[in-house]
Amino acid sequence: MPNSIDLVYDVASAISLGQREVQEDAIICDFPIGAPFGFAVLSDGMGGHAAGDIASKIVVTEVFAELKLQSGNPEAMENGIVTILQGAATSANDCIRVHAGNDKTTRGMGATLVAPVLMADRLYWVSIGDSPLFLFRDGTLKQLNQDHSMAPQIDFLARVGMIKTDAATSHPDRHCLTSVLAGHDIARIDCPETAVKMHHGDIVIAASDGLQFLENSKISEVLTELAFATSAEISTALLCALEQLGDPDQDNVSFCVIKVLDTAEPARKATDSDNVTILDTSGKADLSEIYRASSDRRA
C-alpha cells in the first residue's frame, strides 16, 4: 500500500423524498471508526421506469456486499481496486437482469451508481449514470466523475452557439442517461486507475442528481460557510437549502458527506469518525443556527 498521511473521516449521509411519491434513491456508508479506509454506495432508480426503487436497492446491496467482503484485506483491495469496483457494478447489473427476467412488473427498471472508496489519503470510485461525485477543496467545488447523460452534449451545443443557453438548460432530453445499470450491456463505466490524493480539509460528496436542484454556486456557498462544521451539520444545511428552494418538482435526493481530516492538524483535529444519518422529516432546521455554531467553532 502506498505511503500516506494519517487521516480520519467525518461522515454523514442524508436522504429526502423531495416532492416525489416514491423514494427511488438508496444509500449506505461504511466508515469504521479507527479504520484507515471506508466507502459509500449510492444509487438513483430511473424515474418513470418500472420499479426504480427496487433497482436502486439491488445496486446498493450488491455493490456494498462485494466491497465489504473485500475490505477484510485493505492492501489486496487497493491493489485490485479497479477490477473489484467494475466487477461489483457488473454483478449488480446481472442481478437487475435476473430480477427483471423473473418479475415482469419490474422489466425496464434501472439505476445509477456512484461508489467512492477512500484508502487513507487516496480516493477511488466507480460511477455509472448521472449521480455526481463532488470534491470541495480550497473554496472550489469540482465534479470528479463523468456525467453519463445528455447534459454534457447539450451544454456543448450551447457553448458553440448551436442552441441558446436557456434552451440547453430546459432541454427535455437533458437528463436522458447514456449509461445505466439496467440488465443489458453497460455502455460506459467511470472507474479511474489513478487515485485522487486527499488533503486535510477536503470535503467529498457523493449524491443523487436531486442535490443538483441547487446550483453549484449554492452548494459551494454552504460548504464555504460550514467549512469547519461537522459533516452532519453540512448535511442538514444542504437539506435546508433544498427545502428553502421550494421547487415543486424537487426530485428524491440522497448524499454522503465525507470530511477528510489530518490527525496531525491540532486546530481541526477530528475525534471519532461517526456515521450519522440525517432523515429529512421536517425540513425546518434554522440555517442561521448552523452557521452560528460553525462560526463559534472557528473562534
C-alpha atoms as a PDB file:
ATOM      1  CA  MET A   1       0.000   0.000   0.000  1.00  0.00           C
ATOM      2  CA  PRO A   2       1.383   3.466  -0.892  1.00  0.00           C
ATOM      3  CA  ASN A   3       2.750   5.731   1.823  1.00  0.00           C
ATOM      4  CA  SER A   4       0.108   8.065   3.196  1.00  0.00           C
ATOM      5  CA  ILE A   5      -0.576  10.643   5.888  1.00  0.00           C
ATOM      6  CA  ASP A   6      -2.765   9.788   8.873  1.00  0.00           C
ATOM      7  CA  LEU A   7      -6.330  10.812   8.096  1.00  0.00           C
ATOM      8  CA  VAL A   8      -9.702  10.337   9.701  1.00  0.00           C
ATOM      9  CA  TYR A   9     -13.105  10.720   8.093  1.00  0.00           C
ATOM     10  CA  ASP A  10     -16.111  12.563   9.471  1.00  0.00           C
ATOM     11  CA  VAL A  11     -19.071  11.117   7.576  1.00  0.00           C
ATOM     12  CA  ALA A  12     -22.804  11.729   7.416  1.00  0.00           C
ATOM     13  CA  SER A  13     -25.493  10.623   4.989  1.00  0.00           C
ATOM     14  CA  ALA A  14     -28.856  12.174   4.190  1.00  0.00           C
ATOM     15  CA  ILE A  15     -31.953  11.215   2.244  1.00  0.00           C
ATOM     16  CA  SER A  16     -35.166  13.057   1.384  1.00  0.00           C
ATOM     17  CA  LEU A  17     -38.301  12.164  -0.564  1.00  0.00           C
ATOM     18  CA  GLY A  18     -38.474  15.636  -2.082  1.00  0.00           C
ATOM     19  CA  GLN A  19     -41.764  16.170  -3.925  1.00  0.00           C
ATOM     20  CA  ARG A  20     -41.949  12.601  -5.218  1.00  0.00           C
ATOM     21  CA  GLU A  21     -44.390   9.940  -4.044  1.00  0.00           C
ATOM     22  CA  VAL A  22     -41.827   7.118  -4.109  1.00  0.00           C
ATOM     23  CA  GLN A  23     -38.260   7.072  -2.809  1.00  0.00           C
ATOM     24  CA  GLU A  24     -36.100   5.702  -5.640  1.00  0.00           C
ATOM     25  CA  ASP A  25     -32.747   6.621  -4.079  1.00  0.00           C
ATOM     26  CA  ALA A  26     -30.777   4.195  -1.927  1.00  0.00           C
ATOM     27  CA  ILE A  27     -27.579   4.864   0.008  1.00  0.00           C
ATOM     28  CA  ILE A  28     -25.279   3.176   2.503  1.00  0.00           C
ATOM     29  CA  CYS A  29     -21.959   4.257   4.042  1.00  0.00           C
ATOM     30  CA  ASP A  30     -19.329   2.203   5.839  1.00  0.00           C
ATOM     31  CA  PHE A  31     -16.501   4.078   7.582  1.00  0.00           C
ATOM     32  CA  PRO A  32     -15.468   2.013  10.624  1.00  0.00           C
ATOM     33  CA  ILE A  33     -14.066   4.060  13.496  1.00  0.00           C
ATOM     34  CA  GLY A  34     -10.306   3.660  13.618  1.00  0.00           C
ATOM     35  CA  ALA A  35     -10.022   2.097  10.167  1.00  0.00           C
ATOM     36  CA  PRO A  36      -7.888   3.859   7.512  1.00  0.00           C
ATOM     37  CA  PHE A  37     -10.491   3.269   4.822  1.00  0.00           C
ATOM     38  CA  GLY A  38     -14.191   3.461   4.105  1.00  0.00           C
ATOM     39  CA  PHE A  39     -16.705   3.644   1.295  1.00  0.00           C
ATOM     40  CA  ALA A  40     -20.172   4.772   0.318  1.00  0.00           C
ATOM     41  CA  VAL A  41     -22.572   3.312  -2.223  1.00  0.00           C
ATOM     42  CA  LEU A  42     -25.390   5.385  -3.718  1.00  0.00           C
ATOM     43  CA  SER A  43     -27.907   4.534  -6.413  1.00  0.00           C
ATOM     44  CA  ASP A  44     -30.711   6.524  -8.024  1.00  0.00           C
ATOM     45  CA  GLY A  45     -33.536   4.465  -9.529  1.00  0.00           C
ATOM     46  CA  MET A  46     -34.577   5.538 -13.006  1.00  0.00           C
ATOM     47  CA  GLY A  47     -37.541   7.851 -12.595  1.00  0.00           C
ATOM     48  CA  GLY A  48     -40.540   6.952 -14.682  1.00  0.00           C
ATOM     49  CA  HIS A  49     -39.317   3.389 -15.179  1.00  0.00           C
ATOM     50  CA  ALA A  50     -40.757   0.267 -13.618  1.00  0.00           C
ATOM     51  CA  ALA A  51     -39.570  -0.398 -10.070  1.00  0.00           C
ATOM     52  CA  GLY A  52     -36.753   2.145  -9.926  1.00  0.00           C
ATOM     53  CA  ASP A  53     -36.848   1.817  -6.135  1.00  0.00           C
ATOM     54  CA  ILE A  54     -36.167  -1.908  -6.415  1.00  0.00           C
ATOM     55  CA  ALA A  55     -33.344  -1.391  -8.901  1.00  0.00           C
ATOM     56  CA  SER A  56     -31.533   1.091  -6.654  1.00  0.00           C
ATOM     57  CA  LYS A  57     -31.801  -1.246  -3.676  1.00  0.00           C
ATOM     58  CA  ILE A  58     -30.393  -4.126  -5.729  1.00  0.00           C
ATOM     59  CA  VAL A  59     -27.444  -1.996  -6.839  1.00  0.00           C
ATOM     60  CA  VAL A  60     -26.626  -0.741  -3.350  1.00  0.00           C
ATOM     61  CA  THR A  61     -26.989  -4.199  -1.792  1.00  0.00           C
ATOM     62  CA  GLU A  62     -24.795  -5.968  -4.349  1.00  0.00           C
ATOM     63  CA  VAL A  63     -22.038  -3.364  -4.504  1.00  0.00           C
ATOM     64  CA  PHE A  64     -21.939  -2.910  -0.733  1.00  0.00           C
ATOM     65  CA  ALA A  65     -21.718  -6.666  -0.151  1.00  0.00           C
ATOM     66  CA  GLU A  66     -18.755  -7.012  -2.526  1.00  0.00           C
ATOM     67  CA  LEU A  67     -16.861  -4.034  -1.102  1.00  0.00           C
ATOM     68  CA  LYS A  68     -17.493  -5.177   2.462  1.00  0.00           C
ATOM     69  CA  LEU A  69     -16.196  -8.634   1.606  1.00  0.00           C
ATOM     70  CA  GLN A  70     -13.050  -7.243   0.002  1.00  0.00           C
ATOM     71  CA  SER A  71     -12.378  -4.745   2.800  1.00  0.00           C
ATOM     72  CA  GLY A  72     -11.179  -7.528   5.071  1.00  0.00           C
ATOM     73  CA  ASN A  73      -7.809  -7.194   3.302  1.00  0.00           C
ATOM     74  CA  PRO A  74      -7.371  -3.458   2.541  1.00  0.00           C
ATOM     75  CA  GLU A  75      -3.972  -3.841   0.871  1.00  0.00           C
ATOM     76  CA  ALA A  76      -5.177  -6.502  -1.556  1.00  0.00           C
ATOM     77  CA  MET A  77      -8.362  -4.495  -2.092  1.00  0.00           C
ATOM     78  CA  GLU A  78      -6.422  -1.407  -3.151  1.00  0.00           C
ATOM     79  CA  ASN A  79      -4.119  -3.400  -5.398  1.00  0.00           C
ATOM     80  CA  GLY A  80      -7.126  -4.721  -7.297  1.00  0.00           C
ATOM     81  CA  ILE A  81      -9.490  -1.796  -6.760  1.00  0.00           C
ATOM     82  CA  VAL A  82     -10.446  -1.202 -10.406  1.00  0.00           C
ATOM     83  CA  THR A  83     -11.241  -4.862 -11.035  1.00  0.00           C
ATOM     84  CA  ILE A  84     -13.191  -5.052  -7.772  1.00  0.00           C
ATOM     85  CA  LEU A  85     -15.249  -1.915  -8.440  1.00  0.00           C
ATOM     86  CA  GLN A  86     -16.024  -2.809 -12.038  1.00  0.00           C
ATOM     87  CA  GLY A  87     -16.844  -6.362 -11.019  1.00  0.00           C
ATOM     88  CA  ALA A  88     -19.222  -5.152  -8.331  1.00  0.00           C
ATOM     89  CA  ALA A  89     -21.021  -2.935 -10.841  1.00  0.00           C
ATOM     90  CA  THR A  90     -21.277  -5.793 -13.331  1.00  0.00           C
ATOM     91  CA  SER A  91     -22.651  -8.128 -10.658  1.00  0.00           C
ATOM     92  CA  ALA A  92     -25.296  -5.572  -9.721  1.00  0.00           C
ATOM     93  CA  ASN A  93     -26.242  -5.221 -13.370  1.00  0.00           C
ATOM     94  CA  ASP A  94     -26.552  -9.007 -13.668  1.00  0.00           C
ATOM     95  CA  CYS A  95     -28.822  -9.107 -10.618  1.00  0.00           C
ATOM     96  CA  ILE A  96     -31.100  -6.493 -12.166  1.00  0.00           C
ATOM     97  CA  ARG A  97     -31.316  -8.575 -15.340  1.00  0.00           C
ATOM     98  CA  VAL A  98     -32.203 -11.734 -13.410  1.00  0.00           C
ATOM     99  CA  HIS A  99     -34.774  -9.947 -11.244  1.00  0.00           C
ATOM    100  CA  ALA A 100     -36.450  -8.305 -14.239  1.00  0.00           C
ATOM    101  CA  GLY A 101     -36.487 -11.655 -16.032  1.00  0.00           C
ATOM    102  CA  ASN A 102     -38.281 -13.288 -13.122  1.00  0.00           C
ATOM    103  CA  ASP A 103     -40.737 -10.465 -12.442  1.00  0.00           C
ATOM    104  CA  LYS A 104     -42.439  -8.956 -15.468  1.00  0.00           C
ATOM    105  CA  THR A 105     -43.661  -5.968 -13.441  1.00  0.00           C
ATOM    106  CA  THR A 106     -40.079  -4.789 -12.998  1.00  0.00           C
ATOM    107  CA  ARG A 107     -38.948  -5.060 -16.607  1.00  0.00           C
ATOM    108  CA  GLY A 108     -37.389  -1.810 -17.743  1.00  0.00           C
ATOM    109  CA  MET A 109     -36.081  -0.911 -14.297  1.00  0.00           C
ATOM    110  CA  GLY A 110     -32.627   0.591 -13.953  1.00  0.00           C
ATOM    111  CA  ALA A 111     -30.446   2.661 -11.678  1.00  0.00           C
ATOM    112  CA  THR A 112     -27.314   4.765 -11.474  1.00  0.00           C
ATOM    113  CA  LEU A 113     -24.312   4.020  -9.290  1.00  0.00           C
ATOM    114  CA  VAL A 114     -21.672   6.122  -7.584  1.00  0.00           C
ATOM    115  CA  ALA A 115     -19.360   4.484  -5.056  1.00  0.00           C
ATOM    116  CA  PRO A 116     -16.373   6.398  -3.645  1.00  0.00           C
ATOM    117  CA  VAL A 117     -13.750   4.346  -1.796  1.00  0.00           C
ATOM    118  CA  LEU A 118     -11.205   6.077   0.438  1.00  0.00           C
ATOM    119  CA  MET A 119      -7.987   4.282   1.330  1.00  0.00           C
ATOM    120  CA  ALA A 120      -6.121   6.558   3.745  1.00  0.00           C
ATOM    121  CA  ASP A 121      -5.412   9.687   1.631  1.00  0.00           C
ATOM    122  CA  ARG A 122      -6.443   8.158  -1.701  1.00  0.00           C
ATOM    123  CA  LEU A 123      -9.866   8.349  -3.322  1.00  0.00           C
ATOM    124  CA  TYR A 124     -11.073   5.821  -5.894  1.00  0.00           C
ATOM    125  CA  TRP A 125     -14.548   5.464  -7.347  1.00  0.00           C
ATOM    126  CA  VAL A 126     -16.834   3.744  -9.791  1.00  0.00           C
ATOM    127  CA  SER A 127     -19.804   5.547 -11.305  1.00  0.00           C
ATOM    128  CA  ILE A 128     -22.412   4.813 -13.952  1.00  0.00           C
ATOM    129  CA  GLY A 129     -25.104   7.322 -14.816  1.00  0.00           C
ATOM    130  CA  ASP A 130     -25.510  10.934 -13.715  1.00  0.00           C
ATOM    131  CA  SER A 131     -25.104  10.761  -9.938  1.00  0.00           C
ATOM    132  CA  PRO A 132     -22.342  13.301  -9.180  1.00  0.00           C
ATOM    133  CA  LEU A 133     -19.206  12.885  -7.090  1.00  0.00           C
ATOM    134  CA  PHE A 134     -18.014  16.285  -5.869  1.00  0.00           C
ATOM    135  CA  LEU A 135     -14.752  17.433  -4.329  1.00  0.00           C
ATOM    136  CA  PHE A 136     -14.706  20.727  -2.418  1.00  0.00           C
ATOM    137  CA  ARG A 137     -11.155  21.950  -1.892  1.00  0.00           C
ATOM    138  CA  ASP A 138      -9.827  25.432  -1.065  1.00  0.00           C
ATOM    139  CA  GLY A 139     -13.183  27.050  -1.748  1.00  0.00           C
ATOM    140  CA  THR A 140     -13.707  25.388  -5.139  1.00  0.00           C
ATOM    141  CA  LEU A 141     -16.328  22.753  -5.983  1.00  0.00           C
ATOM    142  CA  LYS A 142     -15.446  20.287  -8.740  1.00  0.00           C
ATOM    143  CA  GLN A 143     -17.274  17.254 -10.111  1.00  0.00           C
ATOM    144  CA  LEU A 144     -14.803  14.389 -10.269  1.00  0.00           C
ATOM    145  CA  ASN A 145     -16.768  11.759 -12.153  1.00  0.00           C
ATOM    146  CA  GLN A 146     -18.163  11.679 -15.661  1.00  0.00           C
ATOM    147  CA  ASP A 147     -21.793  12.649 -16.312  1.00  0.00           C
ATOM    148  CA  HIS A 148     -23.348   9.806 -18.304  1.00  0.00           C
ATOM    149  CA  SER A 149     -26.334  11.803 -19.519  1.00  0.00           C
ATOM    150  CA  MET A 150     -27.153  14.007 -22.484  1.00  0.00           C
ATOM    151  CA  ALA A 151     -26.416  17.136 -20.418  1.00  0.00           C
ATOM    152  CA  PRO A 152     -22.722  17.463 -21.390  1.00  0.00           C
ATOM    153  CA  GLN A 153     -23.526  17.173 -25.106  1.00  0.00           C
ATOM    154  CA  ILE A 154     -26.373  19.678 -24.832  1.00  0.00           C
ATOM    155  CA  ASP A 155     -24.157  22.111 -22.907  1.00  0.00           C
ATOM    156  CA  PHE A 156     -21.510  21.763 -25.620  1.00  0.00           C
ATOM    157  CA  LEU A 157     -24.065  22.729 -28.263  1.00  0.00           C
ATOM    158  CA  ALA A 158     -24.857  25.827 -26.210  1.00  0.00           C
ATOM    159  CA  ARG A 159     -21.176  26.747 -25.834  1.00  0.00           C
ATOM    160  CA  VAL A 160     -20.566  26.615 -29.581  1.00  0.00           C
ATOM    161  CA  GLY A 161     -23.713  28.631 -30.259  1.00  0.00           C
ATOM    162  CA  MET A 162     -25.788  25.908 -31.913  1.00  0.00           C
ATOM    163  CA  ILE A 163     -28.583  26.337 -29.368  1.00  0.00           C
ATOM    164  CA  LYS A 164     -29.415  29.047 -26.852  1.00  0.00           C
ATOM    165  CA  THR A 165     -28.323  28.719 -23.231  1.00  0.00           C
ATOM    166  CA  ASP A 166     -31.911  28.857 -21.967  1.00  0.00           C
ATOM    167  CA  ALA A 167     -32.885  26.102 -24.390  1.00  0.00           C
ATOM    168  CA  ALA A 168     -29.997  23.948 -23.174  1.00  0.00           C
ATOM    169  CA  THR A 169     -30.967  24.406 -19.523  1.00  0.00           C
ATOM    170  CA  SER A 170     -34.562  23.342 -20.131  1.00  0.00           C
ATOM    171  CA  HIS A 171     -33.902  20.780 -22.873  1.00  0.00           C
ATOM    172  CA  PRO A 172     -36.291  17.791 -22.485  1.00  0.00           C
ATOM    173  CA  ASP A 173     -33.514  15.284 -23.186  1.00  0.00           C
ATOM    174  CA  ARG A 174     -31.069  16.813 -20.701  1.00  0.00           C
ATOM    175  CA  HIS A 175     -31.493  14.063 -18.118  1.00  0.00           C
ATOM    176  CA  CYS A 176     -31.617  11.139 -20.535  1.00  0.00           C
ATOM    177  CA  LEU A 177     -28.948   8.674 -19.439  1.00  0.00           C
ATOM    178  CA  THR A 178     -26.298   7.411 -21.828  1.00  0.00           C
ATOM    179  CA  SER A 179     -25.151   4.677 -19.438  1.00  0.00           C
ATOM    180  CA  VAL A 180     -27.077   2.938 -16.675  1.00  0.00           C
ATOM    181  CA  LEU A 181     -27.405  -0.347 -14.814  1.00  0.00           C
ATOM    182  CA  ALA A 182     -30.498  -1.884 -16.385  1.00  0.00           C
ATOM    183  CA  GLY A 183     -29.571  -5.515 -17.028  1.00  0.00           C
ATOM    184  CA  HIS A 184     -28.134  -5.022 -20.504  1.00  0.00           C
ATOM    185  CA  ASP A 185     -24.599  -4.142 -21.617  1.00  0.00           C
ATOM    186  CA  ILE A 186     -23.197  -1.205 -19.649  1.00  0.00           C
ATOM    187  CA  ALA A 187     -22.316   1.476 -22.182  1.00  0.00           C
ATOM    188  CA  ARG A 188     -19.786   3.369 -20.041  1.00  0.00           C
ATOM    189  CA  ILE A 189     -18.120   2.846 -16.663  1.00  0.00           C
ATOM    190  CA  ASP A 190     -16.151   5.616 -14.978  1.00  0.00           C
ATOM    191  CA  CYS A 191     -13.524   3.913 -12.814  1.00  0.00           C
ATOM    192  CA  PRO A 192     -10.096   5.607 -12.940  1.00  0.00           C
ATOM    193  CA  GLU A 193      -6.998   3.590 -12.111  1.00  0.00           C
ATOM    194  CA  THR A 194      -5.236   6.573 -10.553  1.00  0.00           C
ATOM    195  CA  ALA A 195      -6.452   7.736  -7.150  1.00  0.00           C
ATOM    196  CA  VAL A 196      -7.176  11.353  -6.292  1.00  0.00           C
ATOM    197  CA  LYS A 197      -4.871  12.421  -3.456  1.00  0.00           C
ATOM    198  CA  MET A 198      -6.820  13.690  -0.473  1.00  0.00           C
ATOM    199  CA  HIS A 199      -5.804  16.753   1.530  1.00  0.00           C
ATOM    200  CA  HIS A 200      -6.691  17.914   5.013  1.00  0.00           C
ATOM    201  CA  GLY A 201      -9.973  19.820   4.874  1.00  0.00           C
ATOM    202  CA  ASP A 202     -11.252  18.222   1.663  1.00  0.00           C
ATOM    203  CA  ILE A 203     -14.989  17.554   1.505  1.00  0.00           C
ATOM    204  CA  VAL A 204     -16.229  14.763  -0.768  1.00  0.00           C
ATOM    205  CA  ILE A 205     -19.923  14.497  -1.620  1.00  0.00           C
ATOM    206  CA  ALA A 206     -21.477  11.540  -3.435  1.00  0.00           C
ATOM    207  CA  ALA A 207     -25.047  12.413  -4.390  1.00  0.00           C
ATOM    208  CA  SER A 208     -28.055  11.647  -6.484  1.00  0.00           C
ATOM    209  CA  ASP A 209     -28.914  14.288  -9.058  1.00  0.00           C
ATOM    210  CA  GLY A 210     -31.647  15.565  -6.749  1.00  0.00           C
ATOM    211  CA  LEU A 211     -28.947  17.602  -4.989  1.00  0.00           C
ATOM    212  CA  GLN A 212     -28.335  19.411  -8.280  1.00  0.00           C
ATOM    213  CA  PHE A 213     -31.597  21.257  -7.956  1.00  0.00           C
ATOM    214  CA  LEU A 214     -29.191  23.535  -6.093  1.00  0.00           C
ATOM    215  CA  GLU A 215     -26.779  25.400  -8.333  1.00  0.00           C
ATOM    216  CA  ASN A 216     -23.116  24.523  -7.809  1.00  0.00           C
ATOM    217  CA  SER A 217     -22.611  28.072  -6.559  1.00  0.00           C
ATOM    218  CA  LYS A 218     -25.168  27.481  -3.793  1.00  0.00           C
ATOM    219  CA  ILE A 219     -23.577  24.172  -2.784  1.00  0.00           C
ATOM    220  CA  SER A 220     -20.204  25.945  -2.674  1.00  0.00           C
ATOM    221  CA  GLU A 221     -21.694  28.717  -0.551  1.00  0.00           C
ATOM    222  CA  VAL A 222     -22.966  26.229   2.022  1.00  0.00           C
ATOM    223  CA  LEU A 223     -19.658  24.352   2.111  1.00  0.00           C
ATOM    224  CA  THR A 224     -17.673  27.570   2.433  1.00  0.00           C
ATOM    225  CA  GLU A 225     -19.820  28.831   5.297  1.00  0.00           C
ATOM    226  CA  LEU A 226     -19.589  25.465   7.080  1.00  0.00           C
ATOM    227  CA  ALA A 227     -16.005  24.542   6.251  1.00  0.00           C
ATOM    228  CA  PHE A 228     -15.300  23.967   9.952  1.00  0.00           C
ATOM    229  CA  ALA A 229     -18.637  22.349  10.762  1.00  0.00           C
ATOM    230  CA  THR A 230     -19.287  18.648  11.081  1.00  0.00           C
ATOM    231  CA  SER A 231     -20.475  16.553   8.173  1.00  0.00           C
ATOM    232  CA  ALA A 232     -23.832  16.175   9.921  1.00  0.00           C
ATOM    233  CA  GLU A 233     -24.234  19.965  10.107  1.00  0.00           C
ATOM    234  CA  ILE A 234     -23.291  20.291   6.433  1.00  0.00           C
ATOM    235  CA  SER A 235     -25.832  17.616   5.509  1.00  0.00           C
ATOM    236  CA  THR A 236     -28.560  19.389   7.439  1.00  0.00           C
ATOM    237  CA  ALA A 237     -27.684  22.708   5.789  1.00  0.00           C
ATOM    238  CA  LEU A 238     -27.860  21.221   2.298  1.00  0.00           C
ATOM    239  CA  LEU A 239     -31.272  19.690   3.017  1.00  0.00           C
ATOM    240  CA  CYS A 240     -32.469  23.018   4.395  1.00  0.00           C
ATOM    241  CA  ALA A 241     -31.216  24.844   1.291  1.00  0.00           C
ATOM    242  CA  LEU A 242     -33.252  22.460  -0.870  1.00  0.00           C
ATOM    243  CA  GLU A 243     -36.297  22.998   1.357  1.00  0.00           C
ATOM    244  CA  GLN A 244     -35.910  26.762   1.094  1.00  0.00           C
ATOM    245  CA  LEU A 245     -35.631  26.478  -2.682  1.00  0.00           C
ATOM    246  CA  GLY A 246     -39.213  25.250  -2.670  1.00  0.00           C
ATOM    247  CA  ASP A 247     -39.099  23.644  -6.102  1.00  0.00           C
ATOM    248  CA  PRO A 248     -42.424  21.838  -6.726  1.00  0.00           C
ATOM    249  CA  ASP A 249     -40.589  19.359  -8.959  1.00  0.00           C
ATOM    250  CA  GLN A 250     -37.887  18.527  -6.393  1.00  0.00           C
ATOM    251  CA  ASP A 251     -36.612  15.018  -7.062  1.00  0.00           C
ATOM    252  CA  ASN A 252     -35.601  12.467  -4.459  1.00  0.00           C
ATOM    253  CA  VAL A 253     -32.259  13.461  -3.004  1.00  0.00           C
ATOM    254  CA  SER A 254     -29.622  11.477  -1.174  1.00  0.00           C
ATOM    255  CA  PHE A 255     -25.986  12.153  -0.492  1.00  0.00           C
ATOM    256  CA  CYS A 256     -22.999  11.257   1.644  1.00  0.00           C
ATOM    257  CA  VAL A 257     -20.730  14.000   3.009  1.00  0.00           C
ATOM    258  CA  ILE A 258     -17.164  12.925   3.790  1.00  0.00           C
ATOM    259  CA  LYS A 259     -14.811  15.359   5.535  1.00  0.00           C
ATOM    260  CA  VAL A 260     -11.133  14.419   5.336  1.00  0.00           C
ATOM    261  CA  LEU A 261      -9.100  15.457   8.369  1.00  0.00           C
ATOM    262  CA  ASP A 262      -5.397  15.112   9.123  1.00  0.00           C
ATOM    263  CA  THR A 263      -4.780  13.970  12.692  1.00  0.00           C
ATOM    264  CA  ALA A 264      -1.543  15.992  12.692  1.00  0.00           C
ATOM    265  CA  GLU A 265      -3.528  19.250  12.436  1.00  0.00           C
ATOM    266  CA  PRO A 266      -4.324  20.170  16.076  1.00  0.00           C
ATOM    267  CA  ALA A 267      -6.569  23.115  15.221  1.00  0.00           C
ATOM    268  CA  ARG A 268      -9.041  20.948  13.372  1.00  0.00           C
ATOM    269  CA  LYS A 269      -8.239  17.503  14.653  1.00  0.00           C
ATOM    270  CA  ALA A 270     -11.217  15.147  14.419  1.00  0.00           C
ATOM    271  CA  THR A 271     -12.251  12.872  17.240  1.00  0.00           C
ATOM    272  CA  ASP A 272     -14.251   9.827  16.322  1.00  0.00           C
ATOM    273  CA  SER A 273     -15.455   9.207  12.767  1.00  0.00           C
ATOM    274  CA  ASP A 274     -19.147   8.540  13.161  1.00  0.00           C
ATOM    275  CA  ASN A 275     -21.714   7.521  10.581  1.00  0.00           C
ATOM    276  CA  VAL A 276     -24.699   9.825  11.077  1.00  0.00           C
ATOM    277  CA  THR A 277     -27.894   9.504   9.079  1.00  0.00           C
ATOM    278  CA  ILE A 278     -29.978  12.661   8.742  1.00  0.00           C
ATOM    279  CA  LEU A 279     -33.607  11.999   7.827  1.00  0.00           C
ATOM    280  CA  ASP A 280     -35.448  14.952   6.307  1.00  0.00           C
ATOM    281  CA  THR A 281     -38.563  14.770   8.429  1.00  0.00           C
ATOM    282  CA  SER A 282     -39.430  18.425   8.874  1.00  0.00           C
ATOM    283  CA  GLY A 283     -37.064  20.435   6.675  1.00  0.00           C
ATOM    284  CA  LYS A 284     -37.408  23.310   9.144  1.00  0.00           C
ATOM    285  CA  ALA A 285     -33.918  23.464  10.633  1.00  0.00           C
ATOM    286  CA  ASP A 286     -32.606  27.010  11.034  1.00  0.00           C
ATOM    287  CA  LEU A 287     -29.590  27.604   8.802  1.00  0.00           C
ATOM    288  CA  SER A 288     -28.584  30.649  10.833  1.00  0.00           C
ATOM    289  CA  GLU A 289     -28.131  28.460  13.903  1.00  0.00           C
ATOM    290  CA  ILE A 290     -25.907  26.054  11.958  1.00  0.00           C
ATOM    291  CA  TYR A 291     -23.783  28.902  10.587  1.00  0.00           C
ATOM    292  CA  ARG A 292     -23.528  30.454  14.056  1.00  0.00           C
ATOM    293  CA  ALA A 293     -22.309  27.156  15.533  1.00  0.00           C
ATOM    294  CA  SER A 294     -19.688  26.910  12.808  1.00  0.00           C
ATOM    295  CA  SER A 295     -18.529  30.480  13.476  1.00  0.00           C
ATOM    296  CA  ASP A 296     -18.248  29.749  17.194  1.00  0.00           C
ATOM    297  CA  ARG A 297     -16.144  26.688  16.383  1.00  0.00           C
ATOM    298  CA  ARG A 298     -13.767  28.756  14.231  1.00  0.00           C
ATOM    299  CA  ALA A 299     -13.413  31.301  17.010  1.00  0.00           C
END
